[in-house]
């Protein structure tokens, strides 16, 4: 019998920034809205069921426009999780938040955007990641 395999290619054409911040997610979203002219609003928490009984909830703030989608995601799962690695992206677990940018906003001088993020008072550190280098990049596909 001939075996068939399903190969799926995802589009990872988005920018990913890791943010280190000890502030609450809603406060960080508010300051990003103010300083970057966004309108991040609280969306339904993302539920990941990696295994049958173990799942995790990820806080999700989202801004959608005609040309852009921007998401502010908490990297660590909400509440207590029984998973060994309760992170959205365990390979960058040092970062508290993940900012995902998709659309026309990516074309607007990435270095200038990075500098604006670095000047946010609630953010201690920012780093831009290439999504293709992340081991758990599939967690950012919605």
Protein backbone atom coordinates (compact mmCIF):
# COMPACT_ATOMS: atom_id res chain seq x y z
CA UNK A 1 0.00 0.00 0.00
CA UNK A 2 1.28 3.45 -0.93
CA UNK A 3 1.79 5.92 1.92
CA UNK A 4 0.79 9.54 1.47
CA UNK A 5 2.04 12.35 3.68
CA UNK A 6 0.53 15.74 4.20
CA UNK A 7 3.08 18.54 3.96
CA UNK A 8 1.86 21.96 5.04
CA UNK A 9 3.89 25.09 4.45
CA UNK A 10 3.03 28.00 6.70
CA UNK A 11 3.71 31.62 5.92
CA UNK A 12 5.96 33.10 8.59
CA UNK A 13 5.97 36.54 6.97
CA UNK A 14 5.61 38.49 10.18
CA UNK A 15 7.90 40.28 12.62
CA UNK A 16 8.38 39.00 16.16
CA UNK A 17 9.67 41.08 19.04
CA UNK A 18 10.42 39.78 22.51
CA UNK A 19 9.72 42.26 25.32
CA UNK A 20 10.96 42.09 28.90
CA UNK A 21 8.55 43.92 31.18
CA UNK A 22 7.30 43.32 34.70
CA UNK A 23 4.13 45.32 34.11
CA UNK A 24 0.63 43.88 33.70
CA UNK A 25 -0.49 43.05 30.17
CA UNK A 26 -3.29 45.63 30.06
CA UNK A 27 -0.95 48.39 31.22
CA UNK A 28 1.65 47.48 28.61
CA UNK A 29 -1.05 47.39 25.91
CA UNK A 30 -2.27 50.83 27.01
CA UNK A 31 1.19 52.40 26.83
CA UNK A 32 1.90 50.77 23.44
CA UNK A 33 -1.40 52.17 22.16
CA UNK A 34 -0.45 55.62 23.36
CA UNK A 35 3.14 55.71 22.13
CA UNK A 36 2.82 53.73 18.88
CA UNK A 37 -0.63 54.95 17.78
CA UNK A 38 -2.15 51.48 17.98
CA UNK A 39 -5.50 50.34 19.29
CA UNK A 40 -4.69 47.05 21.02
CA UNK A 41 -7.80 45.64 22.66
CA UNK A 42 -8.23 42.59 24.86
CA UNK A 43 -9.29 39.62 22.76
CA UNK A 44 -10.26 36.15 23.81
CA UNK A 45 -7.40 34.30 25.49
CA UNK A 46 -5.71 31.75 23.27
CA UNK A 47 -6.11 28.15 24.38
CA UNK A 48 -3.40 25.67 23.43
CA UNK A 49 -4.05 22.01 24.02
CA UNK A 50 -0.69 20.44 23.32
CA UNK A 51 -1.63 17.23 25.03
CA UNK A 52 -5.03 15.76 25.71
CA UNK A 53 -5.38 16.86 29.32
CA UNK A 54 -2.75 19.60 29.63
CA UNK A 55 -3.59 22.93 28.07
CA UNK A 56 -2.61 26.52 28.60
CA UNK A 57 -4.23 29.92 28.22
CA UNK A 58 -2.28 32.83 26.73
CA UNK A 59 -3.32 36.45 27.24
CA UNK A 60 -4.02 38.10 23.88
CA UNK A 61 -4.34 41.77 22.90
CA UNK A 62 -5.02 42.46 19.24
CA UNK A 63 -5.20 45.38 16.82
CA UNK A 64 -6.63 44.80 13.35
CA UNK A 65 -6.84 47.32 10.56
CA UNK A 66 -7.27 47.02 6.83
CA UNK A 67 -3.54 46.45 6.30
CA UNK A 68 -2.17 45.33 9.67
CA UNK A 69 -2.54 42.82 12.45
CA UNK A 70 -0.62 43.46 15.66
CA UNK A 71 -0.78 41.09 18.62
CA UNK A 72 0.62 41.47 22.11
CA UNK A 73 0.84 38.01 23.66
CA UNK A 74 1.96 37.08 27.13
CA UNK A 75 4.71 34.50 26.78
CA UNK A 76 3.86 32.64 30.00
CA UNK A 77 0.57 30.79 30.45
CA UNK A 78 -2.12 32.34 32.64
CA UNK A 79 -2.80 30.75 36.00
CA UNK A 80 -1.11 27.59 37.05
CA UNK A 81 -0.26 25.10 34.37
CA UNK A 82 0.94 21.56 34.94
CA UNK A 83 3.16 21.71 31.86
CA UNK A 84 6.94 21.60 32.29
CA UNK A 85 7.31 24.58 29.96
CA UNK A 86 4.19 26.75 30.28
CA UNK A 87 5.38 29.23 27.62
CA UNK A 88 4.01 30.24 24.23
CA UNK A 89 7.57 30.26 22.90
CA UNK A 90 9.72 28.16 25.27
CA UNK A 91 12.87 28.90 23.29
CA UNK A 92 12.64 32.58 24.34
CA UNK A 93 11.23 32.05 27.84
CA UNK A 94 13.35 34.95 29.18
CA UNK A 95 10.92 37.37 27.48
CA UNK A 96 7.66 38.22 29.21
CA UNK A 97 5.74 39.31 26.11
CA UNK A 98 5.73 38.63 22.39
CA UNK A 99 4.74 41.35 19.94
CA UNK A 100 3.74 39.95 16.55
CA UNK A 101 3.37 42.35 13.61
CA UNK A 102 1.86 41.29 10.32
CA UNK A 103 1.08 43.48 7.32
CA UNK A 104 2.06 46.89 6.02
CA UNK A 105 3.42 48.03 9.38
CA UNK A 106 6.40 45.71 8.84
CA UNK A 107 7.60 47.82 5.92
CA UNK A 108 7.83 51.03 7.94
CA UNK A 109 11.50 51.16 8.86
CA UNK A 110 11.98 48.25 11.27
CA UNK A 111 14.91 49.95 13.02
CA UNK A 112 12.81 53.03 13.75
CA UNK A 113 10.01 50.84 15.15
CA UNK A 114 12.55 48.92 17.26
CA UNK A 115 13.89 52.21 18.66
CA UNK A 116 10.35 53.31 19.58
CA UNK A 117 9.78 50.03 21.40
CA UNK A 118 13.07 50.40 23.24
CA UNK A 119 11.97 53.84 24.51
CA UNK A 120 8.74 52.55 26.08
CA UNK A 121 9.13 53.24 29.81
CA UNK A 122 7.59 49.93 30.94
CA UNK A 123 9.88 47.83 28.74
CA UNK A 124 13.32 46.93 30.12
CA UNK A 125 14.58 45.12 27.01
CA UNK A 126 13.49 44.45 23.42
CA UNK A 127 14.85 42.03 20.86
CA UNK A 128 13.70 41.31 17.33
CA UNK A 129 13.57 37.64 16.32
CA UNK A 130 13.45 36.00 12.94
CA UNK A 131 10.42 33.69 13.18
CA UNK A 132 12.16 31.04 11.08
CA UNK A 133 14.83 30.60 13.76
CA UNK A 134 12.29 29.90 16.52
CA UNK A 135 11.72 26.25 17.35
CA UNK A 136 8.07 26.74 18.36
CA UNK A 137 7.17 29.22 15.59
CA UNK A 138 4.00 27.24 14.80
CA UNK A 139 2.51 28.60 18.06
CA UNK A 140 2.30 32.01 16.36
CA UNK A 141 0.08 30.78 13.52
CA UNK A 142 -3.55 31.77 14.14
